[in-house]
N, C-alpha and C. Protein backbone atom coordinates (compact mmCIF):
# COMPACT_ATOMS: atom_id res chain seq x y z
N MET A 1 -55.15 -148.06 -11.78
CA MET A 1 -54.42 -148.76 -12.82
C MET A 1 -53.43 -148.66 -13.15
N LYS A 2 -52.19 -148.67 -13.25
CA LYS A 2 -50.98 -148.50 -13.45
C LYS A 2 -50.47 -148.33 -14.68
N ASN A 3 -49.54 -147.40 -14.85
CA ASN A 3 -49.73 -146.64 -16.11
C ASN A 3 -47.89 -147.05 -16.96
N ARG A 4 -47.45 -146.58 -17.72
CA ARG A 4 -46.43 -147.00 -18.34
C ARG A 4 -44.94 -146.14 -17.68
N LYS A 5 -45.22 -145.00 -17.18
CA LYS A 5 -44.29 -144.48 -16.43
C LYS A 5 -44.15 -144.84 -14.96
N TYR A 6 -45.17 -145.82 -14.41
CA TYR A 6 -44.52 -146.36 -12.89
C TYR A 6 -44.03 -147.60 -13.65
N TYR A 7 -44.20 -148.12 -14.74
CA TYR A 7 -43.47 -149.39 -15.28
C TYR A 7 -42.08 -149.11 -15.52
N ARG A 8 -41.76 -147.64 -16.51
CA ARG A 8 -40.39 -147.64 -16.66
C ARG A 8 -40.02 -147.56 -15.52
N LYS A 9 -40.16 -146.82 -14.22
CA LYS A 9 -39.45 -146.49 -12.94
C LYS A 9 -38.95 -147.56 -12.60
N ARG A 10 -40.24 -148.73 -12.34
CA ARG A 10 -40.27 -150.17 -11.27
C ARG A 10 -38.92 -150.99 -12.39
N PHE A 11 -39.10 -150.67 -13.74
CA PHE A 11 -37.94 -151.79 -14.59
C PHE A 11 -36.49 -151.24 -15.05
N ALA A 12 -36.62 -149.82 -14.16
CA ALA A 12 -35.38 -149.33 -14.64
C ALA A 12 -33.96 -149.94 -14.31
N LYS A 13 -34.06 -151.04 -13.49
CA LYS A 13 -32.69 -151.58 -13.36
C LYS A 13 -32.49 -152.81 -14.76
N TYR A 14 -33.11 -152.76 -15.57
CA TYR A 14 -32.97 -153.94 -16.50
C TYR A 14 -32.43 -153.19 -17.27
N PRO A 15 -31.70 -153.79 -18.21
CA PRO A 15 -31.54 -153.23 -19.67
C PRO A 15 -32.61 -152.83 -20.83
N ASP A 16 -32.39 -152.33 -21.45
CA ASP A 16 -32.83 -151.82 -22.51
C ASP A 16 -33.93 -152.92 -23.38
N VAL A 17 -32.76 -153.97 -23.78
CA VAL A 17 -33.40 -155.30 -24.01
C VAL A 17 -32.82 -156.52 -22.99
N VAL A 18 -34.17 -157.28 -22.85
CA VAL A 18 -34.08 -158.55 -21.61
C VAL A 18 -33.78 -159.59 -22.34
N THR A 19 -33.37 -160.79 -21.87
CA THR A 19 -33.52 -162.31 -21.85
C THR A 19 -34.42 -163.09 -21.35
N ILE A 20 -34.58 -164.30 -21.64
CA ILE A 20 -36.00 -164.88 -20.58
C ILE A 20 -35.70 -165.14 -19.59
N PRO A 21 -34.87 -165.39 -19.28
CA PRO A 21 -34.63 -164.73 -17.42
C PRO A 21 -35.40 -163.77 -16.92
N GLN A 22 -34.58 -162.60 -17.58
CA GLN A 22 -35.35 -161.63 -17.03
C GLN A 22 -36.43 -160.98 -16.64
N PHE A 23 -36.92 -161.54 -18.35
CA PHE A 23 -38.68 -161.41 -18.68
C PHE A 23 -39.21 -162.04 -17.55
N CYS A 24 -38.59 -163.39 -17.12
CA CYS A 24 -39.46 -164.02 -16.17
C CYS A 24 -39.58 -163.23 -15.05
N GLU A 25 -38.16 -162.66 -14.38
CA GLU A 25 -38.46 -161.90 -13.48
C GLU A 25 -39.15 -160.63 -13.21
N MET A 26 -39.13 -160.10 -14.36
CA MET A 26 -40.35 -158.87 -15.12
C MET A 26 -41.31 -159.03 -14.73
N LEU A 27 -42.07 -160.59 -15.10
CA LEU A 27 -43.26 -160.60 -14.66
C LEU A 27 -43.61 -161.65 -13.58
N GLY A 28 -42.66 -161.06 -12.29
CA GLY A 28 -42.97 -162.04 -10.92
C GLY A 28 -42.60 -162.86 -10.53
N GLY A 29 -41.93 -163.96 -11.86
CA GLY A 29 -41.12 -165.00 -11.33
C GLY A 29 -42.15 -166.01 -12.39
N ILE A 30 -42.45 -166.15 -13.32
CA ILE A 30 -42.79 -166.75 -14.18
C ILE A 30 -42.10 -167.79 -14.54
N SER A 31 -42.18 -169.32 -14.88
CA SER A 31 -41.52 -170.11 -15.59
C SER A 31 -40.84 -169.78 -16.27
N ASP A 32 -39.62 -170.88 -16.99
CA ASP A 32 -38.63 -170.44 -18.51
C ASP A 32 -40.25 -170.73 -19.29
N LYS A 33 -40.69 -172.02 -19.28
CA LYS A 33 -41.62 -172.49 -20.24
C LYS A 33 -42.49 -171.83 -20.20
N THR A 34 -43.37 -171.10 -19.13
CA THR A 34 -44.60 -170.32 -19.59
C THR A 34 -43.73 -168.73 -20.20
N ALA A 35 -43.11 -168.45 -20.00
CA ALA A 35 -42.40 -167.44 -21.26
C ALA A 35 -42.14 -167.71 -21.99
N ARG A 36 -41.19 -169.05 -22.92
CA ARG A 36 -41.37 -169.16 -23.84
C ARG A 36 -42.65 -169.78 -24.44
N LYS A 37 -43.54 -169.83 -24.44
CA LYS A 37 -45.05 -170.11 -24.07
C LYS A 37 -45.59 -168.67 -24.66
N LEU A 38 -45.43 -168.03 -23.97
CA LEU A 38 -46.09 -166.72 -24.61
C LEU A 38 -45.58 -165.99 -25.70
N LEU A 39 -44.17 -165.98 -25.72
CA LEU A 39 -43.06 -165.53 -26.96
C LEU A 39 -43.56 -166.29 -28.24
N ARG A 40 -43.61 -167.98 -28.02
CA ARG A 40 -44.11 -168.35 -29.09
C ARG A 40 -45.08 -168.38 -29.51
N GLU A 41 -46.34 -168.00 -28.95
CA GLU A 41 -47.98 -167.72 -29.29
C GLU A 41 -47.30 -165.80 -29.56
N ASN A 42 -46.57 -165.33 -29.52
CA ASN A 42 -46.68 -163.86 -30.26
C ASN A 42 -47.18 -162.90 -29.25
N ARG A 43 -47.61 -163.68 -28.04
CA ARG A 43 -48.48 -162.54 -27.10
C ARG A 43 -47.18 -161.53 -26.48
N VAL A 44 -46.06 -161.35 -26.74
CA VAL A 44 -45.25 -160.63 -26.36
C VAL A 44 -44.40 -160.39 -27.93
N LYS A 45 -44.37 -158.93 -28.50
CA LYS A 45 -43.14 -159.05 -29.43
C LYS A 45 -41.87 -158.93 -29.37
N HIS A 46 -41.29 -159.61 -29.77
CA HIS A 46 -39.56 -159.93 -29.16
C HIS A 46 -38.90 -160.38 -30.99
N TYR A 47 -37.37 -160.38 -30.54
CA TYR A 47 -36.61 -160.81 -31.38
C TYR A 47 -36.05 -162.18 -31.40
N TYR A 48 -36.14 -162.86 -32.23
CA TYR A 48 -35.17 -164.46 -31.70
C TYR A 48 -34.34 -164.79 -32.85
N ILE A 49 -32.95 -164.60 -32.46
CA ILE A 49 -31.97 -164.52 -33.39
C ILE A 49 -31.42 -165.59 -32.80
N ARG A 50 -30.71 -166.60 -33.98
CA ARG A 50 -30.42 -167.77 -33.87
C ARG A 50 -30.86 -168.46 -32.86
N THR A 51 -30.52 -168.63 -31.33
CA THR A 51 -31.49 -169.22 -30.72
C THR A 51 -31.89 -168.54 -28.99
N THR A 52 -31.75 -167.64 -29.39
CA THR A 52 -31.99 -166.55 -28.41
C THR A 52 -33.23 -165.81 -28.25
N PHE A 53 -34.25 -165.30 -26.89
CA PHE A 53 -35.14 -164.44 -27.30
C PHE A 53 -34.88 -163.08 -26.71
N TYR A 54 -34.88 -162.22 -27.48
CA TYR A 54 -34.33 -160.77 -26.56
C TYR A 54 -36.13 -160.41 -26.71
N ILE A 55 -36.42 -158.95 -25.74
CA ILE A 55 -37.17 -158.51 -25.64
C ILE A 55 -37.09 -157.30 -24.75
N PRO A 56 -37.14 -156.02 -26.17
CA PRO A 56 -36.79 -154.64 -25.64
C PRO A 56 -37.98 -154.58 -25.02
N LYS A 57 -37.40 -153.69 -23.20
CA LYS A 57 -38.31 -153.55 -22.21
C LYS A 57 -39.37 -152.73 -22.52
N GLU A 58 -39.54 -152.13 -23.62
CA GLU A 58 -41.03 -151.51 -23.72
C GLU A 58 -42.00 -152.39 -23.68
N TRP A 59 -41.35 -153.64 -25.18
CA TRP A 59 -42.31 -154.56 -25.39
C TRP A 59 -43.28 -155.04 -24.30
N VAL A 60 -42.02 -155.34 -23.45
CA VAL A 60 -42.73 -155.97 -22.22
C VAL A 60 -43.81 -154.99 -21.67
N ILE A 61 -43.56 -154.07 -21.20
CA ILE A 61 -44.41 -153.11 -20.63
C ILE A 61 -45.20 -152.82 -21.49
N ASP A 62 -46.26 -152.80 -23.29
CA ASP A 62 -46.75 -152.85 -23.77
C ASP A 62 -47.32 -154.20 -23.46
N TYR A 63 -47.01 -155.31 -23.26
CA TYR A 63 -47.76 -156.27 -22.67
C TYR A 63 -48.28 -156.41 -21.86
N ILE A 64 -47.52 -156.02 -20.42
CA ILE A 64 -48.19 -155.91 -19.19
C ILE A 64 -49.69 -154.69 -19.18
N LEU A 65 -49.44 -154.06 -20.14
CA LEU A 65 -50.63 -152.92 -19.54
C LEU A 65 -51.51 -153.39 -21.24
N SER A 66 -51.31 -154.18 -21.68
CA SER A 66 -52.35 -154.75 -22.71
C SER A 66 -53.83 -155.52 -22.09
N ALA A 67 -55.00 -155.62 -23.04
CA ALA A 67 -55.76 -156.94 -22.27
C ALA A 67 -55.43 -157.56 -21.91
N ASP A 68 -54.86 -158.73 -23.26
CA ASP A 68 -54.25 -159.64 -22.96
C ASP A 68 -53.64 -160.32 -21.96
N TYR A 69 -52.85 -159.55 -21.51
CA TYR A 69 -52.66 -159.34 -19.89
C TYR A 69 -53.10 -159.57 -18.46
N ALA A 70 -53.98 -158.50 -18.94
CA ALA A 70 -55.21 -158.32 -18.01
C ALA A 70 -56.12 -159.57 -17.66
N LYS A 71 -56.28 -159.99 -18.83
CA LYS A 71 -57.19 -161.51 -18.70
C LYS A 71 -56.28 -162.38 -18.36
N TYR A 72 -54.68 -162.68 -18.59
CA TYR A 72 -54.14 -163.54 -18.44
C TYR A 72 -52.98 -163.63 -17.09
N ARG A 73 -53.40 -161.86 -16.46
CA ARG A 73 -52.90 -162.42 -15.31
C ARG A 73 -53.68 -162.70 -13.68
N LEU A 74 -54.92 -163.24 -14.13
CA LEU A 74 -55.73 -163.58 -13.06
C LEU A 74 -55.35 -164.84 -12.84
N LYS A 75 -54.70 -165.83 -14.10
CA LYS A 75 -54.20 -166.91 -13.93
C LYS A 75 -53.17 -166.85 -12.93
N LEU A 76 -52.03 -166.11 -12.58
CA LEU A 76 -51.01 -166.27 -12.07
C LEU A 76 -50.97 -166.14 -10.89
N ARG A 77 -50.01 -166.42 -10.37
CA ARG A 77 -50.22 -166.69 -8.54
C ARG A 77 -49.42 -165.20 -7.85
N VAL A 78 -48.69 -164.95 -8.57
CA VAL A 78 -47.64 -163.65 -8.50
C VAL A 78 -47.95 -162.83 -9.74
N GLN A 79 -48.62 -161.15 -9.33
CA GLN A 79 -48.64 -160.58 -10.16
C GLN A 79 -48.34 -159.19 -9.77
N VAL A 80 -47.50 -158.70 -11.47
CA VAL A 80 -46.80 -157.42 -11.71
C VAL A 80 -47.43 -156.13 -11.38
């Protein structure tokens, strides 16, 4: 099992707050539609300001380490 330290190192090139395209890339290239669905269902904590989703990198890591992602990633073709 990979831990928080591993993902902090892996995502070091990303800014502290990511947008949807960066979020998609961090999760292995999921589609924009899938990323927005995860955010609308509040599976990933985020900020929604005007018309843009902002996701702190730590919250992306929290989601990747969560039980919800462990269940969800079995459906994904590409896994982080």
